[in-house]
Amino acid sequence: MQKYKKVAINIAFLTMILSAGIMTNYFSDSDQDFELNLNNKKASRESQEKQEKLLSTFENSDYQAWKKIIGQNNKVSHVINEAAFNDFISARIAARSGEYDKALEITENLKKDVENKLT
């Protein structure tokens, strides 16, 4: 059960990394600081649609669609290449199949690689 929890945390962390940048419509520039703009219903709807499309790229193992959604100028698109994306997908599939040792090995390696590139 401990491996399951570790895999779940790693996959959640990596999902956040791979999803970075899609929340930018929630933010507005105000008085030199960024503030959360929860009243922007259009941005909220667009962001939700974008998030759903992004999650479908994971389900469909579609790196090109993921890259298009994230955008070329997003730092994450420079950190996650096609091999890393495919490793993430493999880890998700392994975890869903109950292969926690395999999923843990993949996510640990991928997490280290991503952290090294982000620092």
PDB file of N, CA and C in Angstrom:
ATOM      1  N   MET A   1       0.821  -1.195   0.000  1.00  0.00           N
ATOM      2  CA  MET A   1       0.000   0.000   0.000  1.00  0.00           C
ATOM      3  C   MET A   1       0.866   1.260   0.000  1.00  0.00           C
ATOM      4  N   GLN A   2       2.030   1.201   0.647  1.00  0.00           N
ATOM      5  CA  GLN A   2       2.928   2.351   0.694  1.00  0.00           C
ATOM      6  C   GLN A   2       3.423   2.730  -0.696  1.00  0.00           C
ATOM      7  N   LYS A   3       3.723   1.745  -1.527  1.00  0.00           N
ATOM      8  CA  LYS A   3       4.166   2.023  -2.893  1.00  0.00           C
ATOM      9  C   LYS A   3       3.057   2.718  -3.667  1.00  0.00           C
ATOM     10  N   TYR A   4       1.821   2.276  -3.460  1.00  0.00           N
ATOM     11  CA  TYR A   4       0.683   2.895  -4.138  1.00  0.00           C
ATOM     12  C   TYR A   4       0.611   4.382  -3.808  1.00  0.00           C
ATOM     13  N   LYS A   5       0.762   4.715  -2.530  1.00  0.00           N
ATOM     14  CA  LYS A   5       0.703   6.114  -2.111  1.00  0.00           C
ATOM     15  C   LYS A   5       1.839   6.924  -2.728  1.00  0.00           C
ATOM     16  N   LYS A   6       3.035   6.362  -2.738  1.00  0.00           N
ATOM     17  CA  LYS A   6       4.196   7.047  -3.309  1.00  0.00           C
ATOM     18  C   LYS A   6       3.997   7.276  -4.810  1.00  0.00           C
ATOM     19  N   VAL A   7       3.499   6.268  -5.505  1.00  0.00           N
ATOM     20  CA  VAL A   7       3.227   6.397  -6.934  1.00  0.00           C
ATOM     21  C   VAL A   7       2.165   7.468  -7.167  1.00  0.00           C
ATOM     22  N   ALA A   8       1.111   7.445  -6.366  1.00  0.00           N
ATOM     23  CA  ALA A   8       0.030   8.427  -6.522  1.00  0.00           C
ATOM     24  C   ALA A   8       0.553   9.845  -6.326  1.00  0.00           C
ATOM     25  N   ILE A   9       1.402  10.041  -5.338  1.00  0.00           N
ATOM     26  CA  ILE A   9       1.978  11.370  -5.089  1.00  0.00           C
ATOM     27  C   ILE A   9       2.880  11.781  -6.255  1.00  0.00           C
ATOM     28  N   ASN A  10       3.709  10.873  -6.721  1.00  0.00           N
ATOM     29  CA  ASN A  10       4.595  11.183  -7.850  1.00  0.00           C
ATOM     30  C   ASN A  10       3.796  11.520  -9.109  1.00  0.00           C
ATOM     31  N   ILE A  11       2.759  10.749  -9.386  1.00  0.00           N
ATOM     32  CA  ILE A  11       1.943  11.017 -10.571  1.00  0.00           C
ATOM     33  C   ILE A  11       1.221  12.349 -10.424  1.00  0.00           C
ATOM     34  N   ALA A  12       0.741  12.658  -9.226  1.00  0.00           N
ATOM     35  CA  ALA A  12       0.092  13.956  -8.996  1.00  0.00           C
ATOM     36  C   ALA A  12       1.086  15.094  -9.226  1.00  0.00           C
ATOM     37  N   PHE A  13       2.298  14.951  -8.704  1.00  0.00           N
ATOM     38  CA  PHE A  13       3.342  15.962  -8.897  1.00  0.00           C
ATOM     39  C   PHE A  13       3.634  16.156 -10.381  1.00  0.00           C
ATOM     40  N   LEU A  14       3.824  15.052 -11.081  1.00  0.00           N
ATOM     41  CA  LEU A  14       4.150  15.133 -12.502  1.00  0.00           C
ATOM     42  C   LEU A  14       2.978  15.676 -13.321  1.00  0.00           C
ATOM     43  N   THR A  15       1.762  15.354 -12.916  1.00  0.00           N
ATOM     44  CA  THR A  15       0.581  15.906 -13.596  1.00  0.00           C
ATOM     45  C   THR A  15       0.553  17.415 -13.448  1.00  0.00           C
ATOM     46  N   MET A  16       0.888  17.897 -12.264  1.00  0.00           N
ATOM     47  CA  MET A  16       0.935  19.349 -12.054  1.00  0.00           C
ATOM     48  C   MET A  16       1.996  19.981 -12.946  1.00  0.00           C
ATOM     49  N   ILE A  17       3.155  19.355 -13.046  1.00  0.00           N
ATOM     50  CA  ILE A  17       4.225  19.884 -13.893  1.00  0.00           C
ATOM     51  C   ILE A  17       3.781  19.897 -15.350  1.00  0.00           C
ATOM     52  N   LEU A  18       3.228  18.794 -15.810  1.00  0.00           N
ATOM     53  CA  LEU A  18       2.803  18.708 -17.205  1.00  0.00           C
ATOM     54  C   LEU A  18       1.615  19.609 -17.508  1.00  0.00           C
ATOM     55  N   SER A  19       0.909  20.042 -16.483  1.00  0.00           N
ATOM     56  CA  SER A  19      -0.250  20.920 -16.661  1.00  0.00           C
ATOM     57  C   SER A  19       0.085  22.384 -16.421  1.00  0.00           C
ATOM     58  N   ALA A  20       1.301  22.671 -16.059  1.00  0.00           N
ATOM     59  CA  ALA A  20       1.694  24.051 -15.729  1.00  0.00           C
ATOM     60  C   ALA A  20       1.450  24.969 -16.912  1.00  0.00           C
ATOM     61  N   GLY A  21       0.963  26.134 -16.602  1.00  0.00           N
ATOM     62  CA  GLY A  21       0.755  27.137 -17.630  1.00  0.00           C
ATOM     63  C   GLY A  21      -0.657  27.223 -18.147  1.00  0.00           C
ATOM     64  N   ILE A  22      -1.487  26.226 -17.884  1.00  0.00           N
ATOM     65  CA  ILE A  22      -2.844  26.308 -18.408  1.00  0.00           C
ATOM     66  C   ILE A  22      -3.752  27.148 -17.525  1.00  0.00           C
ATOM     67  N   MET A  23      -3.272  27.565 -16.378  1.00  0.00           N
ATOM     68  CA  MET A  23      -4.080  28.358 -15.456  1.00  0.00           C
ATOM     69  C   MET A  23      -3.885  29.856 -15.648  1.00  0.00           C
ATOM     70  N   THR A  24      -3.126  30.258 -16.621  1.00  0.00           N
ATOM     71  CA  THR A  24      -2.785  31.676 -16.748  1.00  0.00           C
ATOM     72  C   THR A  24      -3.988  32.574 -16.967  1.00  0.00           C
ATOM     73  N   ASN A  25      -5.078  32.065 -17.512  1.00  0.00           N
ATOM     74  CA  ASN A  25      -6.261  32.890 -17.713  1.00  0.00           C
ATOM     75  C   ASN A  25      -6.936  33.276 -16.400  1.00  0.00           C
ATOM     76  N   TYR A  26      -6.608  32.594 -15.324  1.00  0.00           N
ATOM     77  CA  TYR A  26      -7.187  32.929 -14.028  1.00  0.00           C
ATOM     78  C   TYR A  26      -6.542  34.165 -13.418  1.00  0.00           C
ATOM     79  N   PHE A  27      -5.404  34.565 -13.942  1.00  0.00           N
ATOM     80  CA  PHE A  27      -4.654  35.645 -13.333  1.00  0.00           C
ATOM     81  C   PHE A  27      -4.787  36.928 -14.130  1.00  0.00           C
ATOM     82  N   SER A  28      -4.854  38.035 -13.409  1.00  0.00           N
ATOM     83  CA  SER A  28      -4.872  39.336 -14.075  1.00  0.00           C
ATOM     84  C   SER A  28      -3.826  40.220 -13.422  1.00  0.00           C
ATOM     85  N   ASP A  29      -3.248  41.099 -14.208  1.00  0.00           N
ATOM     86  CA  ASP A  29      -2.219  42.001 -13.718  1.00  0.00           C
ATOM     87  C   ASP A  29      -2.891  43.201 -13.064  1.00  0.00           C
ATOM     88  N   SER A  30      -2.598  43.434 -11.793  1.00  0.00           N
ATOM     89  CA  SER A  30      -3.242  44.527 -11.084  1.00  0.00           C
ATOM     90  C   SER A  30      -2.259  45.122 -10.085  1.00  0.00           C
ATOM     91  N   ASP A  31      -2.024  46.424 -10.183  1.00  0.00           N
ATOM     92  CA  ASP A  31      -1.158  47.125  -9.235  1.00  0.00           C
ATOM     93  C   ASP A  31       0.179  46.433  -9.030  1.00  0.00           C
ATOM     94  N   GLN A  32       0.829  46.074 -10.105  1.00  0.00           N
ATOM     95  CA  GLN A  32       2.161  45.472 -10.106  1.00  0.00           C
ATOM     96  C   GLN A  32       2.191  44.054  -9.544  1.00  0.00           C
ATOM     97  N   ASP A  33       1.102  43.556  -9.016  1.00  0.00           N
ATOM     98  CA  ASP A  33       1.049  42.198  -8.480  1.00  0.00           C
ATOM     99  C   ASP A  33       0.050  41.392  -9.288  1.00  0.00           C
ATOM    100  N   PHE A  34       0.237  40.088  -9.298  1.00  0.00           N
ATOM    101  CA  PHE A  34      -0.752  39.222  -9.913  1.00  0.00           C
ATOM    102  C   PHE A  34      -1.752  38.834  -8.839  1.00  0.00           C
ATOM    103  N   GLU A  35      -3.024  38.855  -9.205  1.00  0.00           N
ATOM    104  CA  GLU A  35      -4.044  38.424  -8.266  1.00  0.00           C
ATOM    105  C   GLU A  35      -4.953  37.427  -8.964  1.00  0.00           C
ATOM    106  N   LEU A  36      -5.525  36.559  -8.173  1.00  0.00           N
ATOM    107  CA  LEU A  36      -6.421  35.552  -8.708  1.00  0.00           C
ATOM    108  C   LEU A  36      -7.712  36.213  -9.145  1.00  0.00           C
ATOM    109  N   ASN A  37      -8.125  35.949 -10.372  1.00  0.00           N
ATOM    110  CA  ASN A  37      -9.317  36.561 -10.934  1.00  0.00           C
ATOM    111  C   ASN A  37     -10.404  35.493 -11.066  1.00  0.00           C
ATOM    112  N   LEU A  38     -11.098  35.214  -9.962  1.00  0.00           N
ATOM    113  CA  LEU A  38     -12.104  34.170  -9.957  1.00  0.00           C
ATOM    114  C   LEU A  38     -13.422  34.624 -10.571  1.00  0.00           C
ATOM    115  N   ASN A  39     -13.585  35.916 -10.787  1.00  0.00           N
ATOM    116  CA  ASN A  39     -14.831  36.427 -11.346  1.00  0.00           C
ATOM    117  C   ASN A  39     -14.859  36.383 -12.865  1.00  0.00           C
ATOM    118  N   ASN A  40     -13.765  36.032 -13.480  1.00  0.00           N
ATOM    119  CA  ASN A  40     -13.690  35.977 -14.929  1.00  0.00           C
ATOM    120  C   ASN A  40     -14.245  34.634 -15.404  1.00  0.00           C
ATOM    121  N   LYS A  41     -15.556  34.598 -15.657  1.00  0.00           N
ATOM    122  CA  LYS A  41     -16.222  33.346 -16.028  1.00  0.00           C
ATOM    123  C   LYS A  41     -15.745  32.810 -17.377  1.00  0.00           C
ATOM    124  N   LYS A  42     -15.469  33.708 -18.306  1.00  0.00           N
ATOM    125  CA  LYS A  42     -14.985  33.269 -19.614  1.00  0.00           C
ATOM    126  C   LYS A  42     -13.630  32.576 -19.472  1.00  0.00           C
ATOM    127  N   ALA A  43     -12.741  33.191 -18.708  1.00  0.00           N
ATOM    128  CA  ALA A  43     -11.421  32.588 -18.486  1.00  0.00           C
ATOM    129  C   ALA A  43     -11.565  31.262 -17.760  1.00  0.00           C
ATOM    130  N   SER A  44     -12.479  31.207 -16.813  1.00  0.00           N
ATOM    131  CA  SER A  44     -12.708  29.983 -16.061  1.00  0.00           C
ATOM    132  C   SER A  44     -13.190  28.863 -16.980  1.00  0.00           C
ATOM    133  N   ARG A  45     -14.141  29.166 -17.841  1.00  0.00           N
ATOM    134  CA  ARG A  45     -14.677  28.182 -18.777  1.00  0.00           C
ATOM    135  C   ARG A  45     -13.602  27.737 -19.759  1.00  0.00           C
ATOM    136  N   GLU A  46     -12.847  28.690 -20.294  1.00  0.00           N
ATOM    137  CA  GLU A  46     -11.772  28.361 -21.236  1.00  0.00           C
ATOM    138  C   GLU A  46     -10.703  27.509 -20.576  1.00  0.00           C
ATOM    139  N   SER A  47     -10.365  27.843 -19.340  1.00  0.00           N
ATOM    140  CA  SER A  47      -9.355  27.085 -18.622  1.00  0.00           C
ATOM    141  C   SER A  47      -9.837  25.663 -18.346  1.00  0.00           C
ATOM    142  N   GLN A  48     -11.102  25.525 -17.999  1.00  0.00           N
ATOM    143  CA  GLN A  48     -11.658  24.193 -17.745  1.00  0.00           C
ATOM    144  C   GLN A  48     -11.638  23.358 -19.019  1.00  0.00           C
ATOM    145  N   GLU A  49     -12.010  23.964 -20.138  1.00  0.00           N
ATOM    146  CA  GLU A  49     -11.974  23.259 -21.419  1.00  0.00           C
ATOM    147  C   GLU A  49     -10.542  22.852 -21.769  1.00  0.00           C
ATOM    148  N   LYS A  50      -9.611  23.751 -21.534  1.00  0.00           N
ATOM    149  CA  LYS A  50      -8.203  23.472 -21.819  1.00  0.00           C
ATOM    150  C   LYS A  50      -7.693  22.339 -20.938  1.00  0.00           C
ATOM    151  N   GLN A  51      -8.103  22.354 -19.669  1.00  0.00           N
ATOM    152  CA  GLN A  51      -7.694  21.300 -18.742  1.00  0.00           C
ATOM    153  C   GLN A  51      -8.252  19.947 -19.186  1.00  0.00           C
ATOM    154  N   GLU A  52      -9.500  19.923 -19.624  1.00  0.00           N
ATOM    155  CA  GLU A  52     -10.093  18.673 -20.110  1.00  0.00           C
ATOM    156  C   GLU A  52      -9.365  18.156 -21.347  1.00  0.00           C
ATOM    157  N   LYS A  53      -9.020  19.066 -22.251  1.00  0.00           N
ATOM    158  CA  LYS A  53      -8.268  18.674 -23.446  1.00  0.00           C
ATOM    159  C   LYS A  53      -6.895  18.143 -23.055  1.00  0.00           C
ATOM    160  N   LEU A  54      -6.267  18.807 -22.083  1.00  0.00           N
ATOM    161  CA  LEU A  54      -4.957  18.378 -21.628  1.00  0.00           C
ATOM    162  C   LEU A  54      -5.018  16.969 -21.046  1.00  0.00           C
ATOM    163  N   LEU A  55      -6.003  16.718 -20.202  1.00  0.00           N
ATOM    164  CA  LEU A  55      -6.146  15.383 -19.613  1.00  0.00           C
ATOM    165  C   LEU A  55      -6.413  14.330 -20.685  1.00  0.00           C
ATOM    166  N   SER A  56      -7.122  14.713 -21.738  1.00  0.00           N
ATOM    167  CA  SER A  56      -7.359  13.747 -22.818  1.00  0.00           C
ATOM    168  C   SER A  56      -6.059  13.411 -23.544  1.00  0.00           C
ATOM    169  N   THR A  57      -5.099  14.343 -23.572  1.00  0.00           N
ATOM    170  CA  THR A  57      -3.807  14.015 -24.195  1.00  0.00           C
ATOM    171  C   THR A  57      -3.106  12.913 -23.416  1.00  0.00           C
ATOM    172  N   PHE A  58      -3.296  12.896 -22.098  1.00  0.00           N
ATOM    173  CA  PHE A  58      -2.709  11.826 -21.287  1.00  0.00           C
ATOM    174  C   PHE A  58      -3.403  10.506 -21.599  1.00  0.00           C
ATOM    175  N   GLU A  59      -4.729  10.542 -21.669  1.00  0.00           N
ATOM    176  CA  GLU A  59      -5.491   9.324 -21.938  1.00  0.00           C
ATOM    177  C   GLU A  59      -5.195   8.767 -23.332  1.00  0.00           C
ATOM    178  N   ASN A  60      -4.945   9.656 -24.278  1.00  0.00           N
ATOM    179  CA  ASN A  60      -4.697   9.238 -25.660  1.00  0.00           C
ATOM    180  C   ASN A  60      -3.213   9.115 -26.002  1.00  0.00           C
ATOM    181  N   SER A  61      -2.349   9.320 -25.026  1.00  0.00           N
ATOM    182  CA  SER A  61      -0.894   9.262 -25.249  1.00  0.00           C
ATOM    183  C   SER A  61      -0.489  10.139 -26.429  1.00  0.00           C
ATOM    184  N   ASP A  62      -0.981  11.358 -26.442  1.00  0.00           N
ATOM    185  CA  ASP A  62      -0.801  12.240 -27.595  1.00  0.00           C
ATOM    186  C   ASP A  62       0.119  13.416 -27.254  1.00  0.00           C
ATOM    187  N   TYR A  63       1.402  13.198 -27.428  1.00  0.00           N
ATOM    188  CA  TYR A  63       2.399  14.223 -27.113  1.00  0.00           C
ATOM    189  C   TYR A  63       2.206  15.483 -27.950  1.00  0.00           C
ATOM    190  N   GLN A  64       1.949  15.315 -29.240  1.00  0.00           N
ATOM    191  CA  GLN A  64       1.809  16.485 -30.120  1.00  0.00           C
ATOM    192  C   GLN A  64       0.641  17.369 -29.692  1.00  0.00           C
ATOM    193  N   ALA A  65      -0.478  16.760 -29.322  1.00  0.00           N
ATOM    194  CA  ALA A  65      -1.627  17.542 -28.848  1.00  0.00           C
ATOM    195  C   ALA A  65      -1.291  18.221 -27.523  1.00  0.00           C
ATOM    196  N   TRP A  66      -0.572  17.511 -26.638  1.00  0.00           N
ATOM    197  CA  TRP A  66      -0.164  18.099 -25.359  1.00  0.00           C
ATOM    198  C   TRP A  66       0.711  19.321 -25.606  1.00  0.00           C
ATOM    199  N   LYS A  67       1.681  19.165 -26.494  1.00  0.00           N
ATOM    200  CA  LYS A  67       2.613  20.255 -26.804  1.00  0.00           C
ATOM    201  C   LYS A  67       1.862  21.466 -27.378  1.00  0.00           C
ATOM    202  N   LYS A  68       0.873  21.204 -28.196  1.00  0.00           N
ATOM    203  CA  LYS A  68       0.079  22.295 -28.778  1.00  0.00           C
ATOM    204  C   LYS A  68      -0.704  23.026 -27.690  1.00  0.00           C
ATOM    205  N   ILE A  69      -1.286  22.289 -26.754  1.00  0.00           N
ATOM    206  CA  ILE A  69      -2.062  22.910 -25.677  1.00  0.00           C
ATOM    207  C   ILE A  69      -1.159  23.714 -24.752  1.00  0.00           C
ATOM    208  N   ILE A  70      -0.024  23.146 -24.390  1.00  0.00           N
ATOM    209  CA  ILE A  70       0.915  23.819 -23.480  1.00  0.00           C
ATOM    210  C   ILE A  70       1.513  25.050 -24.140  1.00  0.00           C
ATOM    211  N   GLY A  71       1.833  24.949 -25.409  1.00  0.00           N
ATOM    212  CA  GLY A  71       2.409  26.077 -26.135  1.00  0.00           C
ATOM    213  C   GLY A  71       3.920  26.002 -26.194  1.00  0.00           C
ATOM    214  N   GLN A  72       4.470  26.575 -27.226  1.00  0.00           N
ATOM    215  CA  GLN A  72       5.914  26.545 -27.458  1.00  0.00           C
ATOM    216  C   GLN A  72       6.686  27.414 -26.478  1.00  0.00           C
ATOM    217  N   ASN A  73       6.067  28.473 -25.978  1.00  0.00           N
ATOM    218  CA  ASN A  73       6.770  29.416 -25.116  1.00  0.00           C
ATOM    219  C   ASN A  73       6.681  29.073 -23.640  1.00  0.00           C
ATOM    220  N   ASN A  74       5.975  28.032 -23.305  1.00  0.00           N
ATOM    221  CA  ASN A  74       5.847  27.611 -21.923  1.00  0.00           C
ATOM    222  C   ASN A  74       7.121  26.875 -21.509  1.00  0.00           C
ATOM    223  N   LYS A  75       7.656  27.218 -20.335  1.00  0.00           N
ATOM    224  CA  LYS A  75       8.902  26.582 -19.861  1.00  0.00           C
ATOM    225  C   LYS A  75       8.768  25.061 -19.788  1.00  0.00           C
ATOM    226  N   VAL A  76       7.586  24.585 -19.463  1.00  0.00           N
ATOM    227  CA  VAL A  76       7.372  23.149 -19.344  1.00  0.00           C
ATOM    228  C   VAL A  76       7.616  22.445 -20.671  1.00  0.00           C
ATOM    229  N   SER A  77       7.281  23.109 -21.771  1.00  0.00           N
ATOM    230  CA  SER A  77       7.491  22.480 -23.078  1.00  0.00           C
ATOM    231  C   SER A  77       8.971  22.297 -23.382  1.00  0.00           C
ATOM    232  N   HIS A  78       9.824  23.009 -22.673  1.00  0.00           N
ATOM    233  CA  HIS A  78      11.272  22.849 -22.837  1.00  0.00           C
ATOM    234  C   HIS A  78      11.852  21.833 -21.848  1.00  0.00           C
ATOM    235  N   VAL A  79      11.067  21.502 -20.837  1.00  0.00           N
ATOM    236  CA  VAL A  79      11.510  20.540 -19.818  1.00  0.00           C
ATOM    237  C   VAL A  79      11.038  19.130 -20.161  1.00  0.00           C
ATOM    238  N   ILE A  80       9.818  19.042 -20.669  1.00  0.00           N
ATOM    239  CA  ILE A  80       9.232  17.740 -20.992  1.00  0.00           C
ATOM    240  C   ILE A  80       9.349  17.500 -22.490  1.00  0.00           C
ATOM    241  N   ASN A  81      10.155  16.516 -22.840  1.00  0.00           N
ATOM    242  CA  ASN A  81      10.254  16.132 -24.250  1.00  0.00           C
ATOM    243  C   ASN A  81       9.348  14.924 -24.491  1.00  0.00           C
ATOM    244  N   GLU A  82       9.341  14.434 -25.709  1.00  0.00           N
ATOM    245  CA  GLU A  82       8.441  13.333 -26.037  1.00  0.00           C
ATOM    246  C   GLU A  82       8.745  12.072 -25.233  1.00  0.00           C
ATOM    247  N   ALA A  83      10.005  11.806 -24.992  1.00  0.00           N
ATOM    248  CA  ALA A  83      10.374  10.619 -24.205  1.00  0.00           C
ATOM    249  C   ALA A  83       9.870  10.740 -22.771  1.00  0.00           C
ATOM    250  N   ALA A  84      10.019  11.907 -22.170  1.00  0.00           N
ATOM    251  CA  ALA A  84       9.536  12.114 -20.805  1.00  0.00           C
ATOM    252  C   ALA A  84       8.013  12.009 -20.747  1.00  0.00           C
ATOM    253  N   PHE A  85       7.344  12.572 -21.732  1.00  0.00           N
ATOM    254  CA  PHE A  85       5.885  12.476 -21.798  1.00  0.00           C
ATOM    255  C   PHE A  85       5.468  11.007 -21.874  1.00  0.00           C
ATOM    256  N   ASN A  86       6.124  10.252 -22.738  1.00  0.00           N
ATOM    257  CA  ASN A  86       5.792   8.832 -22.879  1.00  0.00           C
ATOM    258  C   ASN A  86       6.095   8.046 -21.611  1.00  0.00           C
ATOM    259  N   ASP A  87       7.153   8.413 -20.896  1.00  0.00           N
ATOM    260  CA  ASP A  87       7.443   7.777 -19.607  1.00  0.00           C
ATOM    261  C   ASP A  87       6.323   8.055 -18.611  1.00  0.00           C
ATOM    262  N   PHE A  88       5.843   9.287 -18.595  1.00  0.00           N
ATOM    263  CA  PHE A  88       4.737   9.656 -17.712  1.00  0.00           C
ATOM    264  C   PHE A  88       3.501   8.807 -18.032  1.00  0.00           C
ATOM    265  N   ILE A  89       3.206   8.655 -19.303  1.00  0.00           N
ATOM    266  CA  ILE A  89       2.060   7.845 -19.722  1.00  0.00           C
ATOM    267  C   ILE A  89       2.270   6.388 -19.300  1.00  0.00           C
ATOM    268  N   SER A  90       3.469   5.879 -19.476  1.00  0.00           N
ATOM    269  CA  SER A  90       3.776   4.501 -19.067  1.00  0.00           C
ATOM    270  C   SER A  90       3.588   4.310 -17.570  1.00  0.00           C
ATOM    271  N   ALA A  91       3.990   5.296 -16.795  1.00  0.00           N
ATOM    272  CA  ALA A  91       3.820   5.216 -15.340  1.00  0.00           C
ATOM    273  C   ALA A  91       2.347   5.206 -14.960  1.00  0.00           C
ATOM    274  N   ARG A  92       1.559   6.028 -15.617  1.00  0.00           N
ATOM    275  CA  ARG A  92       0.108   6.045 -15.348  1.00  0.00           C
ATOM    276  C   ARG A  92      -0.514   4.689 -15.669  1.00  0.00           C
ATOM    277  N   ILE A  93      -0.132   4.132 -16.807  1.00  0.00           N
ATOM    278  CA  ILE A  93      -0.684   2.838 -17.212  1.00  0.00           C
ATOM    279  C   ILE A  93      -0.259   1.751 -16.233  1.00  0.00           C
ATOM    280  N   ALA A  94       1.010   1.756 -15.849  1.00  0.00           N
ATOM    281  CA  ALA A  94       1.499   0.762 -14.897  1.00  0.00           C
ATOM    282  C   ALA A  94       0.767   0.877 -13.563  1.00  0.00           C
ATOM    283  N   ALA A  95       0.580   2.085 -13.083  1.00  0.00           N
ATOM    284  CA  ALA A  95      -0.113   2.280 -11.806  1.00  0.00           C
ATOM    285  C   ALA A  95      -1.552   1.781 -11.897  1.00  0.00           C
ATOM    286  N   ARG A  96      -2.212   2.087 -12.992  1.00  0.00           N
ATOM    287  CA  ARG A  96      -3.599   1.628 -13.160  1.00  0.00           C
ATOM    288  C   ARG A  96      -3.694   0.109 -13.241  1.00  0.00           C
ATOM    289  N   SER A  97      -2.617  -0.521 -13.692  1.00  0.00           N
ATOM    290  CA  SER A  97      -2.589  -1.980 -13.805  1.00  0.00           C
ATOM    291  C   SER A  97      -2.122  -2.651 -12.523  1.00  0.00           C
ATOM    292  N   GLY A  98      -1.809  -1.840 -11.512  1.00  0.00           N
ATOM    293  CA  GLY A  98      -1.345  -2.396 -10.246  1.00  0.00           C
ATOM    294  C   GLY A  98       0.134  -2.730 -10.230  1.00  0.00           C
ATOM    295  N   GLU A  99       0.872  -2.309 -11.243  1.00  0.00           N
ATOM    296  CA  GLU A  99       2.314  -2.549 -11.317  1.00  0.00           C
ATOM    297  C   GLU A  99       3.041  -1.395 -10.627  1.00  0.00           C
ATOM    298  N   TYR A 100       2.925  -1.349  -9.312  1.00  0.00           N
ATOM    299  CA  TYR A 100       3.429  -0.203  -8.551  1.00  0.00           C
ATOM    300  C   TYR A 100       4.949  -0.107  -8.538  1.00  0.00           C
ATOM    301  N   ASP A 101       5.641  -1.244  -8.552  1.00  0.00           N
ATOM    302  CA  ASP A 101       7.104  -1.195  -8.605  1.00  0.00           C
ATOM    303  C   ASP A 101       7.571  -0.526  -9.896  1.00  0.00           C
ATOM    304  N   LYS A 102       6.973  -0.919 -11.002  1.00  0.00           N
ATOM    305  CA  LYS A 102       7.327  -0.348 -12.300  1.00  0.00           C
ATOM    306  C   LYS A 102       6.973   1.142 -12.337  1.00  0.00           C
ATOM    307  N   ALA A 103       5.769   1.471 -11.888  1.00  0.00           N
ATOM    308  CA  ALA A 103       5.318   2.869 -11.890  1.00  0.00           C
ATOM    309  C   ALA A 103       6.198   3.724 -10.986  1.00  0.00           C
ATOM    310  N   LEU A 104       6.578   3.176  -9.844  1.00  0.00           N
ATOM    311  CA  LEU A 104       7.425   3.918  -8.910  1.00  0.00           C
ATOM    312  C   LEU A 104       8.800   4.178  -9.510  1.00  0.00           C
ATOM    313  N   GLU A 105       9.378   3.184 -10.155  1.00  0.00           N
ATOM    314  CA  GLU A 105      10.684   3.359 -10.783  1.00  0.00           C
ATOM    315  C   GLU A 105      10.621   4.444 -11.870  1.00  0.00           C
ATOM    316  N   ILE A 106       9.605   4.374 -12.699  1.00  0.00           N
ATOM    317  CA  ILE A 106       9.470   5.359 -13.779  1.00  0.00           C
ATOM    318  C   ILE A 106       9.275   6.755 -13.208  1.00  0.00           C
ATOM    319  N   THR A 107       8.358   6.890 -12.251  1.00  0.00           N
ATOM    320  CA  THR A 107       8.057   8.229 -11.721  1.00  0.00           C
ATOM    321  C   THR A 107       9.222   8.810 -10.939  1.00  0.00           C
ATOM    322  N   GLU A 108       9.945   7.985 -10.216  1.00  0.00           N
ATOM    323  CA  GLU A 108      11.105   8.483  -9.468  1.00  0.00           C
ATOM    324  C   GLU A 108      12.162   9.036 -10.425  1.00  0.00           C
ATOM    325  N   ASN A 109      12.442   8.287 -11.476  1.00  0.00           N
ATOM    326  CA  ASN A 109      13.433   8.745 -12.466  1.00  0.00           C
ATOM    327  C   ASN A 109      12.965  10.004 -13.176  1.00  0.00           C
ATOM    328  N   LEU A 110      11.721  10.020 -13.581  1.00  0.00           N
ATOM    329  CA  LEU A 110      11.173  11.173 -14.281  1.00  0.00           C
ATOM    330  C   LEU A 110      11.117  12.403 -13.376  1.00  0.00           C
ATOM    331  N   LYS A 111      10.717  12.195 -12.149  1.00  0.00           N
ATOM    332  CA  LYS A 111      10.642  13.297 -11.182  1.00  0.00           C
ATOM    333  C   LYS A 111      12.022  13.922 -10.971  1.00  0.00           C
ATOM    334  N   LYS A 112      13.050  13.096 -10.810  1.00  0.00           N
ATOM    335  CA  LYS A 112      14.419  13.608 -10.646  1.00  0.00           C
ATOM    336  C   LYS A 112      14.855  14.404 -11.865  1.00  0.00           C
ATOM    337  N   ASP A 113      14.576  13.868 -13.034  1.00  0.00           N
ATOM    338  CA  ASP A 113      14.957  14.539 -14.285  1.00  0.00           C
ATOM    339  C   ASP A 113      14.255  15.894 -14.404  1.00  0.00           C
ATOM    340  N   VAL A 114      12.972  15.939 -14.114  1.00  0.00           N
ATOM    341  CA  VAL A 114      12.209  17.184 -14.192  1.00  0.00           C
ATOM    342  C   VAL A 114      12.714  18.186 -13.160  1.00  0.00           C
ATOM    343  N   GLU A 115      12.924  17.736 -11.941  1.00  0.00           N
ATOM    344  CA  GLU A 115      13.426  18.643 -10.894  1.00  0.00           C
ATOM    345  C   GLU A 115      14.779  19.216 -11.267  1.00  0.00           C
ATOM    346  N   ASN A 116      15.659  18.396 -11.833  1.00  0.00           N
ATOM    347  CA  ASN A 116      16.984  18.884 -12.256  1.00  0.00           C
ATOM    348  C   ASN A 116      16.874  19.935 -13.345  1.00  0.00           C
ATOM    349  N   LYS A 117      15.949  19.752 -14.266  1.00  0.00           N
ATOM    350  CA  LYS A 117      15.787  20.701 -15.351  1.00  0.00           C
ATOM    351  C   LYS A 117      15.125  22.002 -14.898  1.00  0.00           C
ATOM    352  N   LEU A 118      14.315  21.932 -13.850  1.00  0.00           N
ATOM    353  CA  LEU A 118      13.619  23.126 -13.365  1.00  0.00           C
ATOM    354  C   LEU A 118      14.461  23.967 -12.414  1.00  0.00           C
ATOM    355  N   THR A 119      15.533  23.388 -11.901  1.00  0.00           N
ATOM    356  CA  THR A 119      16.362  24.155 -10.962  1.00  0.00           C
ATOM    357  C   THR A 119      17.587  24.722 -11.640  1.00  0.00           C
TER     358      THR A 119
END
